[in-house]
Protein backbone atom coordinates (compact mmCIF):
# COMPACT_ATOMS: atom_id res chain seq x y z
CA MET A 1 -4.36 18.53 10.42
CA ILE A 2 -1.24 18.39 8.58
CA GLY A 3 -0.88 14.58 9.39
CA VAL A 4 -4.45 13.98 8.03
CA VAL A 5 -3.56 15.91 4.77
CA LEU A 6 -0.25 14.01 4.21
CA ALA A 7 -2.05 10.78 4.97
CA LEU A 8 -4.62 11.54 2.36
CA VAL A 9 -1.85 12.40 -0.22
CA SER A 10 -0.06 9.08 0.68
CA ALA A 11 -3.39 7.25 0.11
CA ALA A 12 -4.02 8.95 -3.29
CA ALA A 13 -0.49 8.20 -4.49
CA TYR A 14 -0.72 4.64 -3.51
CA GLY A 15 -4.02 4.38 -5.08
CA MET A 16 -2.76 5.83 -8.37
CA SER A 17 0.34 3.79 -8.25
CA ASP A 18 -1.75 0.43 -7.71
CA PHE A 19 -3.83 1.50 -10.62
CA LEU A 20 -0.90 2.10 -12.98
CA GLY A 21 0.61 -1.11 -11.75
CA GLY A 22 -2.36 -3.06 -12.52
CA ILE A 23 -2.44 -1.79 -15.99
CA ALA A 24 1.25 -2.65 -16.53
CA SER A 25 0.61 -6.12 -14.96
CA ARG A 26 -1.68 -6.83 -17.66
CA ARG A 27 1.08 -6.55 -20.29
CA VAL A 28 3.75 -8.47 -18.37
CA ALA A 29 4.00 -10.54 -15.08
CA ALA A 30 3.41 -8.37 -12.04
CA LEU A 31 6.78 -9.25 -10.59
CA ARG A 32 8.63 -7.85 -13.65
CA VAL A 33 6.89 -4.46 -13.29
CA VAL A 34 8.07 -4.29 -9.55
CA LEU A 35 11.63 -5.51 -10.81
CA LEU A 36 11.67 -2.07 -12.67
CA SER A 37 9.74 0.18 -10.27
CA TYR A 38 11.43 -0.70 -6.97
CA PRO A 39 15.00 0.13 -8.07
CA ILE A 40 13.80 3.22 -9.88
CA SER A 41 11.93 4.47 -6.65
CA ALA A 42 15.22 3.78 -4.65
CA LEU A 43 17.08 5.97 -7.03
CA ILE A 44 14.61 8.82 -6.82
CA ILE A 45 14.42 8.70 -3.12
CA ALA A 46 18.24 8.56 -2.95
CA VAL A 47 18.31 11.81 -5.05
CA ALA A 48 15.55 13.40 -2.71
CA ALA A 49 17.51 12.35 0.45
CA ALA A 50 20.69 14.02 -0.76
CA PHE A 51 18.78 17.44 -0.72
CA VAL A 52 16.78 16.99 2.34
CA GLY A 53 19.96 15.79 4.44
CA GLY A 54 19.26 14.45 8.00
CA GLU A 55 21.21 13.06 10.77
CA PHE A 56 22.62 9.52 10.63
CA SER A 57 20.83 7.05 13.16
CA TRP A 58 21.39 3.21 13.24
CA ARG A 59 17.94 2.75 14.81
CA SER A 60 16.16 4.43 11.97
CA MET A 61 18.29 2.75 9.35
CA LEU A 62 17.54 -0.60 10.93
CA PHE A 63 13.79 0.04 10.94
CA GLY A 64 14.17 1.42 7.29
CA ALA A 65 15.71 -1.99 6.31
CA ALA A 66 12.83 -4.01 8.25
CA SER A 67 10.18 -1.98 6.60
CA GLY A 68 11.85 -2.79 3.19
CA VAL A 69 12.01 -6.54 3.85
CA VAL A 70 8.34 -6.78 4.98
CA MET A 71 7.24 -4.54 1.98
CA ALA A 72 9.02 -6.76 -0.48
CA LEU A 73 7.48 -9.89 1.05
CA ALA A 74 3.99 -8.24 1.16
CA MET A 75 4.09 -7.24 -2.66
CA TRP A 76 5.19 -10.76 -3.51
CA TRP A 77 2.55 -12.62 -1.39
CA PHE A 78 -0.24 -10.32 -2.40
CA TYR A 79 0.43 -10.88 -6.10
CA ILE A 80 0.63 -14.73 -5.49
CA ALA A 81 -2.93 -14.56 -3.54
CA LEU A 82 -4.45 -12.29 -6.28
CA ALA A 83 -3.01 -14.86 -9.04
CA GLU A 84 -4.44 -17.82 -7.42
CA GLY A 85 -7.39 -16.91 -5.34
CA PRO A 86 -10.72 -14.81 -5.70
CA MET A 87 -9.91 -10.98 -5.80
CA SER A 88 -13.09 -10.07 -4.11
CA VAL A 89 -12.01 -12.01 -1.01
CA VAL A 90 -8.23 -11.31 -1.16
CA SER A 91 -8.42 -7.55 -1.53
CA PRO A 92 -10.69 -6.45 1.24
CA LEU A 93 -9.21 -9.05 3.63
CA THR A 94 -5.75 -7.71 2.94
CA ALA A 95 -6.94 -4.05 3.36
CA VAL A 96 -8.72 -4.53 6.66
CA ILE A 97 -5.70 -6.22 8.01
CA VAL A 98 -3.56 -3.26 6.79
CA ALA A 99 -5.89 -0.83 8.47
CA GLY A 100 -6.61 -2.95 11.68
CA ILE A 101 -3.10 -3.99 12.97
CA PRO A 102 -1.61 -0.53 13.22
CA VAL A 103 -4.61 0.67 14.97
CA ILE A 104 -4.17 -1.99 17.73
CA VAL A 105 -0.54 -1.33 18.00
CA GLY A 106 -1.09 2.29 18.27
CA VAL A 107 -3.32 1.87 21.21
CA LEU A 108 -0.98 -0.65 22.92
CA ILE A 109 1.89 1.85 22.65
CA GLY A 110 -0.35 4.59 24.49
CA GLU A 111 -2.00 6.41 21.60
CA ARG A 112 -5.55 7.62 22.65
CA PRO A 113 -7.60 9.20 19.65
CA SER A 114 -10.75 10.91 20.60
CA GLY A 115 -14.20 9.17 20.57
CA ILE A 116 -15.06 10.59 17.24
CA SER A 117 -11.74 9.38 15.73
CA TYR A 118 -12.45 5.95 16.97
CA ALA A 119 -15.88 6.26 15.11
CA GLY A 120 -13.77 7.35 12.19
CA ILE A 121 -11.50 4.30 12.43
CA ALA A 122 -14.55 2.03 12.33
CA LEU A 123 -16.08 3.86 9.28
CA ALA A 124 -12.72 3.61 7.58
CA ILE A 125 -12.27 -0.09 7.96
CA VAL A 126 -15.75 -0.82 6.73
CA ALA A 127 -15.41 1.56 3.80
CA VAL A 128 -12.06 -0.22 2.78
CA ILE A 129 -14.00 -3.61 2.89
CA MET A 130 -16.90 -2.22 0.72
CA VAL A 131 -14.77 -0.40 -1.79
CA SER A 132 -12.57 -3.39 -2.22
CA ARG A 133 -15.45 -5.74 -3.24
CA GLU A 134 -16.07 -6.64 -6.70
CA PRO A 135 -19.46 -5.44 -8.07
CA LYS A 136 -22.40 -7.83 -7.90
CA GLY A 137 -22.88 -9.79 -10.94
CA VAL A 138 -19.28 -9.42 -12.19
CA GLU A 139 -17.51 -12.77 -12.52
CA ASP A 140 -14.78 -12.95 -10.08
CA HIS A 141 -11.24 -13.15 -11.56
CA THR A 142 -7.69 -13.33 -10.88
CA VAL A 143 -4.69 -11.32 -12.05
CA SER A 144 -3.62 -14.49 -14.02
CA GLY A 145 -7.15 -14.67 -15.94
CA ALA A 146 -8.19 -17.87 -14.31
CA ASN A 147 -11.93 -18.14 -13.79
CA ALA A 148 -13.79 -19.34 -10.54
CA PRO A 149 -10.92 -19.15 -8.24
CA ARG A 150 -11.20 -20.57 -4.76
CA PHE A 151 -10.05 -19.18 -1.47
CA THR A 152 -7.87 -22.13 -0.65
CA ARG A 153 -5.83 -22.53 2.56
CA ARG A 154 -2.65 -21.63 0.51
CA VAL A 155 -4.34 -18.34 -0.75
CA ALA A 156 -5.53 -17.58 2.65
CA TRP A 157 -2.08 -17.89 4.25
CA PHE A 158 -0.63 -15.64 1.48
CA THR A 159 -3.53 -13.09 1.96
CA VAL A 160 -3.10 -12.85 5.57
CA GLY A 161 0.79 -12.85 5.29
CA SER A 162 0.79 -10.10 2.80
CA GLY A 163 -1.80 -7.83 4.91
CA VAL A 164 0.45 -8.44 7.91
CA CYS A 165 3.58 -7.44 6.24
CA PHE A 166 1.97 -4.39 4.69
CA ALA A 167 0.86 -3.49 8.26
CA LEU A 168 4.45 -4.11 9.64
CA SER A 169 5.79 -1.81 6.90
CA PHE A 170 3.63 1.03 8.31
CA ILE A 171 4.65 0.19 12.00
CA PHE A 172 8.24 0.10 11.27
CA THR A 173 8.20 3.27 9.26
CA ASN A 174 6.65 4.97 12.11
CA GLU A 175 9.81 4.15 14.18
CA ILE A 176 11.85 6.18 12.02
CA GLU A 177 13.10 9.16 13.98
CA VAL A 178 12.25 12.78 13.17
CA GLY A 179 15.47 14.54 11.65
CA THR A 180 17.00 11.42 9.99
CA GLY A 181 15.77 12.88 6.56
CA LEU A 182 14.85 10.25 3.82
CA TRP A 183 17.83 8.02 4.16
CA PRO A 184 16.02 5.33 6.06
CA LEU A 185 13.66 5.22 3.04
CA VAL A 186 16.55 4.81 0.68
CA VAL A 187 17.65 1.82 2.75
CA ALA A 188 14.10 0.39 2.76
CA ARG A 189 13.66 0.65 -1.09
CA THR A 190 17.18 -0.82 -1.62
CA VAL A 191 16.59 -3.82 0.64
CA ALA A 192 13.09 -4.32 -1.14
CA SER A 193 14.85 -4.22 -4.49
CA VAL A 194 17.43 -6.82 -3.53
CA ILE A 195 14.83 -9.13 -2.35
CA VAL A 196 12.55 -8.61 -5.32
CA ILE A 197 15.54 -9.43 -7.57
CA ALA A 198 16.48 -12.54 -5.48
CA VAL A 199 12.81 -13.65 -5.83
CA ALA A 200 12.91 -13.15 -9.54
CA ILE A 201 16.05 -15.22 -9.82
CA GLY A 202 14.46 -17.91 -7.72
CA THR A 203 11.39 -18.04 -9.61
CA ARG A 204 13.17 -17.72 -12.90
CA GLN A 205 11.51 -14.46 -13.80
CA LEU A 206 14.65 -12.41 -14.01
CA GLY A 207 14.99 -10.79 -17.45
CA ARG A 208 14.78 -7.47 -19.19
CA PRO A 209 11.19 -6.23 -19.13
CA PRO A 210 9.80 -4.89 -22.21
CA LEU A 211 10.46 -1.18 -22.89
CA THR A 212 6.73 -0.75 -23.38
CA ILE A 213 6.19 -0.70 -19.85
CA LEU A 214 9.04 1.54 -19.00
CA GLY A 215 7.20 4.70 -18.80
CA LEU A 216 4.49 3.07 -16.64
CA ALA A 217 7.15 1.77 -14.44
CA VAL A 218 8.64 5.27 -13.94
CA LEU A 219 5.26 6.63 -13.05
CA VAL A 220 4.58 3.86 -10.64
CA ALA A 221 7.93 4.41 -9.01
CA THR A 222 7.28 8.17 -8.80
CA LEU A 223 3.97 7.87 -7.28
CA ASP A 224 5.38 5.07 -4.89
CA VAL A 225 8.14 7.58 -3.78
CA ILE A 226 5.50 10.37 -3.25
CA ALA A 227 3.27 7.98 -1.26
CA THR A 228 6.22 6.64 0.93
CA ILE A 229 7.53 10.09 1.78
CA THR A 230 4.17 11.59 2.75
CA LEU A 231 3.54 8.40 4.79
CA LEU A 232 6.76 8.96 6.69
CA TYR A 233 5.94 12.55 7.43
CA ALA A 234 2.34 11.69 8.23
CA LEU A 235 3.56 9.23 10.80
CA GLN A 236 6.01 11.66 12.35
CA GLY A 237 3.29 14.24 12.68
CA GLY A 238 0.54 12.25 13.68
CA LEU A 239 -0.95 9.13 15.28
CA LEU A 240 -0.16 5.61 13.81
CA SER A 241 -3.68 4.65 14.64
CA LEU A 242 -5.19 7.33 12.68
CA VAL A 243 -2.71 7.82 9.82
CA SER A 244 -2.87 4.11 8.93
CA VAL A 245 -6.46 3.83 8.53
CA LEU A 246 -6.42 7.01 6.13
CA VAL A 247 -3.61 5.55 4.09
CA ALA A 248 -5.48 2.19 3.93
CA LEU A 249 -8.24 4.05 2.02
CA TYR A 250 -6.18 3.89 -1.14
CA PRO A 251 -8.38 1.21 -2.76
CA ALA A 252 -11.12 4.12 -3.22
CA VAL A 253 -8.68 5.95 -5.27
CA THR A 254 -7.94 2.93 -7.48
CA VAL A 255 -11.57 2.07 -8.08
CA LEU A 256 -12.48 5.70 -8.88
CA LEU A 257 -9.74 5.73 -11.47
CA ALA A 258 -10.91 2.46 -12.93
CA VAL A 259 -14.30 3.86 -13.33
CA LEU A 260 -13.13 7.25 -14.73
CA VAL A 261 -10.41 5.89 -16.97
CA LEU A 262 -11.31 2.36 -17.90
CA LYS A 263 -14.93 2.88 -17.75
CA GLU A 264 -15.35 -0.17 -15.28
CA ARG A 265 -18.82 -0.65 -13.72
CA VAL A 266 -18.91 0.35 -10.03
CA GLY A 267 -21.15 -1.46 -7.67
CA GLY A 268 -23.54 0.00 -5.19
CA TRP A 269 -21.55 -1.24 -2.27
CA GLN A 270 -18.43 0.51 -3.69
CA VAL A 271 -20.38 3.78 -4.03
CA ALA A 272 -21.49 3.40 -0.53
CA GLY A 273 -17.92 2.59 0.66
CA MET A 274 -16.72 5.70 -0.86
CA GLY A 275 -19.26 7.90 0.77
CA LEU A 276 -18.25 6.02 4.16
CA ALA A 277 -14.70 6.90 3.49
CA LEU A 278 -15.50 10.56 3.26
CA ALA A 279 -17.36 10.42 6.41
CA ALA A 280 -14.24 8.54 8.04
CA VAL A 281 -11.86 11.40 6.82
CA ALA A 282 -14.01 13.90 8.35
CA ALA A 283 -14.32 12.09 11.74
CA ILE A 284 -10.65 11.60 11.92
CA ALA A 285 -9.89 15.08 10.64
CA ALA A 286 -11.86 16.32 13.72
CA ASN A 287 -9.09 14.98 16.02
CA GLY A 288 -6.64 17.09 14.18
């Protein structure tokens, strides 16, 4: 049960982080938000790691570094897909890949959830798709503000690529050994920060972000740290196949905050998706 609780905390933190990151991205380019939040999150995790302690393990450090690489690529490609393609297709397709691949890997490595948990997994994947869809009647849009975007082959590649990389980040984090503390996560965020900075230099977006988003960046980083740490402990205390689908429910939190804070209209499919998400959580929690 503790793994389920930690996974839900991780999902909530990721959902809130995405919500605040989306608000910040309306003011400046998304990459510049990550340029601030990633190094800040690395610093916060490093401070926490010093208190937690843990034994050194090359294996865990390497998996932490691998997680950082794929997470940085996932964020970069996901923002490209959102900037050029239809959000109503990009978001749910990415989410279902994030939820689905770790389930397959979990089963392949020998995990055997109960029958009711498999039902919960199926419900969760459907819930993620439904919650991530734009409400009917709302004109589709991109993060760049362009109208009538098309799901081109280029957008498809970036969408699938980001989903696979997000999923791989979960899988690599699952390989971090118990007892190594938070140091592998420090490596992950440091590596991700270096890659993001390199991308910013390559795309000529490196520059001092406006101070107006500093507060949001700190909040995003703090929530990202909470999400990452609880994900690690959830995976160490539970099954990859179950934890991954619970964490992948984070879009429900983002949508709920958009409704409560920004007064955005929620569609019937999204409401139904949230109901399915609750049913999925109950089914998976029954497995313990």
